[in-house]
Structure formats: structure tokens, C-alpha cells
C-alpha atoms as a PDB file:
ATOM      1  CA  MET A   1     190.305-140.754 -20.120  1.00  0.00           C
ATOM      2  CA  THR A   2     192.268-137.618 -20.964  1.00  0.00           C
ATOM      3  CA  TYR A   3     191.673-134.018 -19.988  1.00  0.00           C
ATOM      4  CA  GLY A   4     192.469-131.564 -22.780  1.00  0.00           C
ATOM      5  CA  GLY A   5     194.898-128.818 -21.841  1.00  0.00           C
ATOM      6  CA  LEU A   6     195.627-130.152 -18.343  1.00  0.00           C
ATOM      7  CA  THR A   7     199.250-129.478 -17.453  1.00  0.00           C
ATOM      8  CA  PRO A   8     201.290-131.919 -15.315  1.00  0.00           C
ATOM      9  CA  GLU A   9     201.595-129.373 -12.514  1.00  0.00           C
ATOM     10  CA  ALA A  10     197.849-128.670 -12.355  1.00  0.00           C
ATOM     11  CA  ARG A  11     196.237-129.257  -8.982  1.00  0.00           C
ATOM     12  CA  ILE A  12     193.385-131.751  -8.811  1.00  0.00           C
ATOM     13  CA  LEU A  13     190.325-131.705  -6.556  1.00  0.00           C
ATOM     14  CA  ASP A  14     188.063-134.739  -6.096  1.00  0.00           C
ATOM     15  CA  LEU A  15     184.703-133.894  -4.505  1.00  0.00           C
ATOM     16  CA  GLY A  16     182.884-136.685  -2.643  1.00  0.00           C
ATOM     17  CA  CYS A  17     186.034-138.786  -2.802  1.00  0.00           C
ATOM     18  CA  GLY A  18     185.219-141.773  -0.579  1.00  0.00           C
ATOM     19  CA  ASP A  19     188.466-143.758  -0.291  1.00  0.00           C
ATOM     20  CA  GLY A  20     190.020-141.968  -3.278  1.00  0.00           C
ATOM     21  CA  PHE A  21     190.174-145.074  -5.476  1.00  0.00           C
ATOM     22  CA  LEU A  22     188.763-143.499  -8.638  1.00  0.00           C
ATOM     23  CA  VAL A  23     190.769-140.280  -8.682  1.00  0.00           C
ATOM     24  CA  ASP A  24     193.930-142.250  -7.856  1.00  0.00           C
ATOM     25  CA  ALA A  25     193.274-144.699 -10.700  1.00  0.00           C
ATOM     26  CA  LEU A  26     192.257-142.160 -13.352  1.00  0.00           C
ATOM     27  CA  CYS A  27     194.768-139.392 -12.773  1.00  0.00           C
ATOM     28  CA  PRO A  28     198.298-139.831 -14.205  1.00  0.00           C
ATOM     29  CA  ASP A  29     201.083-140.930 -11.885  1.00  0.00           C
ATOM     30  CA  PRO A  30     203.023-137.631 -12.065  1.00  0.00           C
ATOM     31  CA  ALA A  31     200.020-135.866 -10.532  1.00  0.00           C
ATOM     32  CA  ASP A  32     201.041-135.448  -6.907  1.00  0.00           C
ATOM     33  CA  ALA A  33     198.927-132.405  -5.985  1.00  0.00           C
ATOM     34  CA  ILE A  34     195.591-134.116  -5.404  1.00  0.00           C
ATOM     35  CA  ASP A  35     193.118-132.895  -2.782  1.00  0.00           C
ATOM     36  CA  ALA A  36     190.202-135.215  -2.030  1.00  0.00           C
ATOM     37  CA  VAL A  37     187.279-134.125   0.150  1.00  0.00           C
ATOM     38  CA  ASP A  38     184.338-136.002   1.618  1.00  0.00           C
ATOM     39  CA  ILE A  39     182.456-134.476   4.535  1.00  0.00           C
ATOM     40  CA  HIS A  40     181.450-137.949   5.747  1.00  0.00           C
ATOM     41  CA  LEU A  41     185.017-139.173   6.362  1.00  0.00           C
ATOM     42  CA  THR A  42     185.961-139.865   9.969  1.00  0.00           C
ATOM     43  CA  ALA A  43     189.341-139.045  11.469  1.00  0.00           C
ATOM     44  CA  ASP A  44     190.278-142.742  11.367  1.00  0.00           C
ATOM     45  CA  GLN A  45     189.339-142.954   7.687  1.00  0.00           C
ATOM     46  CA  LEU A  46     191.375-139.850   6.896  1.00  0.00           C
ATOM     47  CA  SER A  47     194.409-141.473   8.498  1.00  0.00           C
ATOM     48  CA  LEU A  48     193.860-144.863   6.834  1.00  0.00           C
ATOM     49  CA  PHE A  49     193.207-143.538   3.323  1.00  0.00           C
ATOM     50  CA  SER A  50     196.190-141.173   3.533  1.00  0.00           C
ATOM     51  CA  LYS A  51     198.459-144.150   4.273  1.00  0.00           C
ATOM     52  CA  GLU A  52     196.938-146.234   1.458  1.00  0.00           C
ATOM     53  CA  ARG A  53     197.164-143.423  -1.131  1.00  0.00           C
ATOM     54  CA  PRO A  54     200.052-141.165  -0.053  1.00  0.00           C
ATOM     55  CA  ARG A  55     199.933-138.860  -3.094  1.00  0.00           C
ATOM     56  CA  ILE A  56     196.394-137.773  -2.125  1.00  0.00           C
ATOM     57  CA  LYS A  57     195.677-135.297   0.663  1.00  0.00           C
ATOM     58  CA  PHE A  58     192.317-136.217   2.205  1.00  0.00           C
ATOM     59  CA  HIS A  59     189.952-133.719   3.854  1.00  0.00           C
ATOM     60  CA  ASN A  60     186.568-133.950   5.582  1.00  0.00           C
ATOM     61  CA  SER A  61     185.818-130.227   5.272  1.00  0.00           C
ATOM     62  CA  TYR A  62     186.181-127.570   2.580  1.00  0.00           C
ATOM     63  CA  HIS A  63     188.009-125.041   4.736  1.00  0.00           C
ATOM     64  CA  SER A  64     191.547-126.264   4.054  1.00  0.00           C
ATOM     65  CA  LEU A  65     191.154-126.454   0.263  1.00  0.00           C
ATOM     66  CA  ALA A  66     192.872-124.034  -2.104  1.00  0.00           C
ATOM     67  CA  LYS A  67     190.493-121.307  -3.244  1.00  0.00           C
ATOM     68  CA  ASN A  68     190.421-120.976  -7.057  1.00  0.00           C
ATOM     69  CA  GLY A  69     193.466-123.209  -7.301  1.00  0.00           C
ATOM     70  CA  TYR A  70     192.515-126.318  -9.292  1.00  0.00           C
ATOM     71  CA  GLY A  71     193.051-127.269 -12.918  1.00  0.00           C
ATOM     72  CA  LEU A  72     190.861-130.391 -12.714  1.00  0.00           C
ATOM     73  CA  ILE A  73     187.810-131.011 -10.528  1.00  0.00           C
ATOM     74  CA  THR A  74     186.276-134.500 -10.462  1.00  0.00           C
ATOM     75  CA  MET A  75     182.859-135.511  -9.149  1.00  0.00           C
ATOM     76  CA  PHE A  76     182.187-139.240  -9.359  1.00  0.00           C
ATOM     77  CA  ASP A  77     178.497-139.911  -8.599  1.00  0.00           C
ATOM     78  CA  VAL A  78     178.088-136.757  -6.542  1.00  0.00           C
ATOM     79  CA  LEU A  79     175.474-134.555  -8.241  1.00  0.00           C
ATOM     80  CA  GLU A  80     172.624-137.025  -7.698  1.00  0.00           C
ATOM     81  CA  HIS A  81     173.127-136.605  -3.933  1.00  0.00           C
ATOM     82  CA  VAL A  82     172.728-132.808  -4.147  1.00  0.00           C
ATOM     83  CA  GLU A  83     169.205-131.414  -3.953  1.00  0.00           C
ATOM     84  CA  ASP A  84     170.015-128.274  -5.974  1.00  0.00           C
ATOM     85  CA  ASP A  85     172.651-129.363  -8.462  1.00  0.00           C
ATOM     86  CA  VAL A  86     173.023-126.147 -10.510  1.00  0.00           C
ATOM     87  CA  PRO A  87     173.713-123.858  -7.496  1.00  0.00           C
ATOM     88  CA  PHE A  88     176.117-126.511  -6.144  1.00  0.00           C
ATOM     89  CA  LEU A  89     178.066-126.482  -9.409  1.00  0.00           C
ATOM     90  CA  GLN A  90     178.063-122.687  -9.552  1.00  0.00           C
ATOM     91  CA  GLU A  91     179.394-122.464  -5.997  1.00  0.00           C
ATOM     92  CA  THR A  92     182.058-125.082  -6.774  1.00  0.00           C
ATOM     93  CA  ILE A  93     183.194-123.078  -9.815  1.00  0.00           C
ATOM     94  CA  SER A  94     183.249-119.845  -7.801  1.00  0.00           C
ATOM     95  CA  ARG A  95     185.254-121.323  -4.913  1.00  0.00           C
ATOM     96  CA  PHE A  96     187.688-123.717  -6.562  1.00  0.00           C
ATOM     97  CA  ALA A  97     187.952-123.232 -10.339  1.00  0.00           C
ATOM     98  CA  THR A  98     189.987-120.936 -12.537  1.00  0.00           C
ATOM     99  CA  PRO A  99     189.379-119.950 -16.193  1.00  0.00           C
ATOM    100  CA  GLY A 100     189.827-123.145 -18.220  1.00  0.00           C
ATOM    101  CA  THR A 101     189.479-125.560 -15.294  1.00  0.00           C
ATOM    102  CA  CYS A 102     188.447-129.040 -16.452  1.00  0.00           C
ATOM    103  CA  PHE A 103     185.511-130.813 -14.810  1.00  0.00           C
ATOM    104  CA  PHE A 104     184.941-134.569 -15.045  1.00  0.00           C
ATOM    105  CA  CYS A 105     181.672-135.860 -13.586  1.00  0.00           C
ATOM    106  CA  THR A 106     179.682-139.080 -13.603  1.00  0.00           C
ATOM    107  CA  VAL A 107     176.048-139.630 -12.575  1.00  0.00           C
ATOM    108  CA  PRO A 108     173.583-142.557 -12.691  1.00  0.00           C
ATOM    109  CA  ALA A 109     171.589-142.736 -15.926  1.00  0.00           C
ATOM    110  CA  PHE A 110     167.867-142.647 -16.692  1.00  0.00           C
ATOM    111  CA  GLN A 111     165.244-141.442 -14.220  1.00  0.00           C
ATOM    112  CA  SER A 112     162.993-144.318 -15.321  1.00  0.00           C
ATOM    113  CA  LEU A 113     165.428-146.632 -13.499  1.00  0.00           C
ATOM    114  CA  PHE A 114     165.021-144.832 -10.164  1.00  0.00           C
ATOM    115  CA  SER A 115     164.391-147.542  -7.571  1.00  0.00           C
ATOM    116  CA  SER A 116     164.846-148.551  -3.937  1.00  0.00           C
ATOM    117  CA  HIS A 117     168.561-148.801  -4.705  1.00  0.00           C
ATOM    118  CA  ASP A 118     168.637-145.037  -5.346  1.00  0.00           C
ATOM    119  CA  THR A 119     166.571-144.343  -2.238  1.00  0.00           C
ATOM    120  CA  PHE A 120     168.996-146.455  -0.183  1.00  0.00           C
ATOM    121  CA  LEU A 121     171.899-144.374  -1.551  1.00  0.00           C
ATOM    122  CA  ASN A 122     170.108-141.062  -0.873  1.00  0.00           C
ATOM    123  CA  HIS A 123     169.832-140.102  -4.543  1.00  0.00           C
ATOM    124  CA  HIS A 124     167.534-137.230  -5.492  1.00  0.00           C
ATOM    125  CA  ARG A 125     167.422-138.155  -9.183  1.00  0.00           C
ATOM    126  CA  ARG A 126     169.020-139.937 -12.104  1.00  0.00           C
ATOM    127  CA  TYR A 127     170.084-138.156 -15.309  1.00  0.00           C
ATOM    128  CA  SER A 128     169.722-138.448 -19.052  1.00  0.00           C
ATOM    129  CA  LEU A 129     172.742-137.425 -21.116  1.00  0.00           C
ATOM    130  CA  PRO A 130     170.962-134.337 -22.554  1.00  0.00           C
ATOM    131  CA  GLY A 131     169.709-133.529 -19.046  1.00  0.00           C
ATOM    132  CA  LEU A 132     173.209-133.599 -17.563  1.00  0.00           C
ATOM    133  CA  GLU A 133     174.559-131.465 -20.398  1.00  0.00           C
ATOM    134  CA  GLN A 134     171.779-128.932 -19.770  1.00  0.00           C
ATOM    135  CA  ILE A 135     172.616-128.786 -16.051  1.00  0.00           C
ATOM    136  CA  LEU A 136     176.303-128.246 -16.807  1.00  0.00           C
ATOM    137  CA  ASP A 137     175.484-125.539 -19.343  1.00  0.00           C
ATOM    138  CA  ARG A 138     173.221-123.719 -16.870  1.00  0.00           C
ATOM    139  CA  ALA A 139     176.056-123.777 -14.341  1.00  0.00           C
ATOM    140  CA  GLY A 140     178.352-122.050 -16.856  1.00  0.00           C
ATOM    141  CA  LEU A 141     180.383-125.043 -18.051  1.00  0.00           C
ATOM    142  CA  LYS A 142     181.161-125.920 -21.665  1.00  0.00           C
ATOM    143  CA  VAL A 143     180.814-129.639 -22.407  1.00  0.00           C
ATOM    144  CA  ILE A 144     183.802-131.019 -24.343  1.00  0.00           C
ATOM    145  CA  ARG A 145     182.904-134.708 -24.465  1.00  0.00           C
ATOM    146  CA  SER A 146     180.170-136.843 -22.942  1.00  0.00           C
ATOM    147  CA  GLY A 147     178.758-140.331 -23.118  1.00  0.00           C
ATOM    148  CA  TYR A 148     177.870-143.481 -21.213  1.00  0.00           C
ATOM    149  CA  LEU A 149     179.626-146.254 -19.286  1.00  0.00           C
ATOM    150  CA  PHE A 150     178.568-149.754 -18.154  1.00  0.00           C
ATOM    151  CA  GLY A 151     176.421-150.627 -21.147  1.00  0.00           C
ATOM    152  CA  LEU A 152     176.190-154.298 -20.142  1.00  0.00           C
ATOM    153  CA  LEU A 153     174.678-153.366 -16.785  1.00  0.00           C
ATOM    154  CA  LEU A 154     171.849-151.346 -18.320  1.00  0.00           C
ATOM    155  CA  PRO A 155     169.571-154.295 -19.286  1.00  0.00           C
ATOM    156  CA  LEU A 156     170.275-155.986 -15.945  1.00  0.00           C
ATOM    157  CA  ARG A 157     169.252-152.886 -13.987  1.00  0.00           C
ATOM    158  CA  THR A 158     166.221-152.408 -16.245  1.00  0.00           C
ATOM    159  CA  LEU A 159     165.106-155.964 -15.497  1.00  0.00           C
ATOM    160  CA  ALA A 160     165.690-155.495 -11.751  1.00  0.00           C
ATOM    161  CA  VAL A 161     163.632-152.279 -11.709  1.00  0.00           C
ATOM    162  CA  LEU A 162     160.840-153.940 -13.680  1.00  0.00           C
ATOM    163  CA  ILE A 163     160.737-156.834 -11.196  1.00  0.00           C
ATOM    164  CA  GLU A 164     160.649-154.353  -8.300  1.00  0.00           C
ATOM    165  CA  LYS A 165     157.758-152.447  -9.857  1.00  0.00           C
ATOM    166  CA  LEU A 166     155.813-155.671 -10.400  1.00  0.00           C
ATOM    167  CA  PHE A 167     156.556-157.479  -7.157  1.00  0.00           C
ATOM    168  CA  GLY A 168     158.109-154.917  -4.809  1.00  0.00           C
ATOM    169  CA  SER A 169     161.652-154.784  -3.464  1.00  0.00           C
ATOM    170  CA  THR A 170     162.959-158.023  -1.958  1.00  0.00           C
ATOM    171  CA  ASP A 171     166.491-156.822  -1.189  1.00  0.00           C
ATOM    172  CA  LYS A 172     166.841-155.572   2.373  1.00  0.00           C
ATOM    173  CA  ASP A 173     170.333-154.235   1.661  1.00  0.00           C
ATOM    174  CA  PRO A 174     170.556-152.968  -1.930  1.00  0.00           C
ATOM    175  CA  GLY A 175     174.052-151.537  -1.508  1.00  0.00           C
ATOM    176  CA  ILE A 176     177.284-153.106  -2.780  1.00  0.00           C
ATOM    177  CA  GLY A 177     178.709-153.678   0.685  1.00  0.00           C
ATOM    178  CA  HIS A 178     177.082-157.100   0.942  1.00  0.00           C
ATOM    179  CA  TRP A 179     178.842-158.477  -2.176  1.00  0.00           C
ATOM    180  CA  ARG A 180     180.422-161.810  -1.124  1.00  0.00           C
ATOM    181  CA  HIS A 181     181.232-163.803  -4.257  1.00  0.00           C
ATOM    182  CA  GLY A 182     184.972-164.376  -4.039  1.00  0.00           C
ATOM    183  CA  ARG A 183     188.029-162.862  -5.680  1.00  0.00           C
ATOM    184  CA  PHE A 184     187.890-164.879  -8.920  1.00  0.00           C
ATOM    185  CA  LEU A 185     184.283-163.988  -9.786  1.00  0.00           C
ATOM    186  CA  THR A 186     184.831-160.387  -8.715  1.00  0.00           C
ATOM    187  CA  SER A 187     187.931-159.988 -10.899  1.00  0.00           C
ATOM    188  CA  THR A 188     186.204-161.720 -13.831  1.00  0.00           C
ATOM    189  CA  ILE A 189     183.225-159.376 -13.685  1.00  0.00           C
ATOM    190  CA  ALA A 190     185.534-156.378 -13.283  1.00  0.00           C
ATOM    191  CA  GLY A 191     187.443-157.449 -16.391  1.00  0.00           C
ATOM    192  CA  ILE A 192     184.235-157.786 -18.412  1.00  0.00           C
ATOM    193  CA  LEU A 193     183.060-154.336 -17.307  1.00  0.00           C
ATOM    194  CA  ASP A 194     186.463-152.826 -18.137  1.00  0.00           C
ATOM    195  CA  ALA A 195     186.208-154.265 -21.653  1.00  0.00           C
ATOM    196  CA  ASP A 196     182.637-152.988 -21.931  1.00  0.00           C
ATOM    197  CA  ASN A 197     183.689-149.473 -20.957  1.00  0.00           C
ATOM    198  CA  PHE A 198     186.689-149.571 -23.298  1.00  0.00           C
ATOM    199  CA  LEU A 199     184.383-150.442 -26.195  1.00  0.00           C
ATOM    200  CA  LEU A 200     181.917-147.688 -25.289  1.00  0.00           C
ATOM    201  CA  LEU A 201     184.718-145.110 -25.114  1.00  0.00           C
ATOM    202  CA  CYS A 202     186.124-146.236 -28.471  1.00  0.00           C
ATOM    203  CA  LEU A 203     182.692-145.945 -30.080  1.00  0.00           C
ATOM    204  CA  ASN A 204     182.250-142.563 -28.402  1.00  0.00           C
ATOM    205  CA  LYS A 205     185.374-141.286 -30.175  1.00  0.00           C
ATOM    206  CA  MET A 206     183.681-142.282 -33.440  1.00  0.00           C
ATOM    207  CA  GLY A 207     180.587-140.283 -32.492  1.00  0.00           C
ATOM    208  CA  ILE A 208     178.540-143.336 -31.474  1.00  0.00           C
ATOM    209  CA  LYS A 209     177.035-143.044 -27.994  1.00  0.00           C
ATOM    210  CA  ILE A 210     175.703-146.386 -26.754  1.00  0.00           C
ATOM    211  CA  PRO A 211     173.472-146.039 -23.644  1.00  0.00           C
ATOM    212  CA  GLY A 212     174.794-147.326 -20.332  1.00  0.00           C
ATOM    213  CA  LEU A 213     174.043-147.240 -16.641  1.00  0.00           C
ATOM    214  CA  THR A 214     176.329-144.246 -16.017  1.00  0.00           C
ATOM    215  CA  VAL A 215     176.466-140.861 -17.752  1.00  0.00           C
ATOM    216  CA  TRP A 216     179.782-138.990 -17.899  1.00  0.00           C
ATOM    217  CA  ALA A 217     180.889-135.594 -19.119  1.00  0.00           C
ATOM    218  CA  ILE A 218     184.130-133.664 -19.466  1.00  0.00           C
ATOM    219  CA  CYS A 219     183.689-129.914 -19.508  1.00  0.00           C
ATOM    220  CA  LYS A 220     185.523-126.651 -18.863  1.00  0.00           C
ATOM    221  CA  THR A 221     184.984-123.265 -17.330  1.00  0.00           C
ATOM    222  CA  PRO A 222     185.172-120.343 -19.800  1.00  0.00           C
ATOM    223  CA  GLN A 223     188.672-119.020 -20.539  1.00  0.00           C
END
């Protein structure tokens, strides 16, 4: 994924960062001015993640972040956790963005797939692609590119939600933390999903948007 007009010296802010894996993987190696914030991080986690990803400066509050100082702001599966998403985006733009700042966000797709899994993760909603674009537009952002990821997972999640609606939830822990299927199977599935996403992104460049389990958008603040 590329971010049009982003200079190598631009500062990067990742909101709701977790352990910083995604922003570390997606941002180019020369980027060494990365702030990552997650209000749920403990002091021990801040120390551990900082050692694991030394080019990222981790925070568990917004107070130490640079005001209006970022060229790229990322939000990976954050907006669905926010009750009022448009005001949250507007406040983020006001506090941290500059004219022309790039935003890259992902959210779970399709409200019809809302299930106990979303409730477990404290989601308020899921999004359609037009719905996300409308939210971004209302917040004052111009969408540059948008599309879907994880197309192969969409029918699997649809089937799981259908089974839940018919028979009720049978999973007492619907999070991913209980995954215990070994390194080989995990790496195999990861490889298949990487190929799936690569294909979806290639088709997206051709103007073909195949639905998937995740919606993404790249947008900018007005110049």
C-alpha cells in the first residue's frame, strides 16, 4: 500500500496501535518517526513493545503526541469501537493533522454480519464501503482510494453468522487469542490470505472492487 505525496521525513501516527505490528509492517523502513498510541497499554506493554519495535515510540495517552505534526495517520480497526465516529475523526484531524495529511483506515465490513464476535470485541457497528466513505466525507476527508480485503473470509464469516442466527452462539471465546493450531497451519493460512489480499488490491487498481471482510480507505485532509 502506498500513500500519495507522503515524504520520507513525514511523521506517522498510529491510533489504537496494539503491539504496533501493522504500522511497523506497512510503513517503509526509512520511516523512523512513528508514534503509536493505545490508551489500553500497560506500562509493561509499553516497555516490551518498545524493545520489540525500536523505531516506534509507544504511548498510552494522547498528551505527549505532536499537535498538528503528522503526515500520515493510520487507524486499523478503530472506528468501529468509537460510539460517535464522525466527531472522533474531526477531533483527530483538528489535533494531529496538517493540510494534506494522509489517513489510512480499516474497519469490519457489512452490518448484516454483526454477531457475538463483534459484541465480544466491543464493536458499535460494521461498515459498508459507501457508508465508510460517507463518514470520512462528513469528517472533512477526501477519499483517494478504497476497497476491500480478506475476500476469502467473507463467505466463511457469512456462514458462521447464519449458523449463529439459527442455533445461537456456541463459542464461549470468539476472540483470536484462543487460536492453537500450530506454526505450519498458521503460516499456510497467512500465506493464502496474503495472496487473497494481493489479488483484491490488483483488481482494485483496475477499478474492480471485490467484497471482503474488511473495508479500507486512503484519504487526505484538504490542502
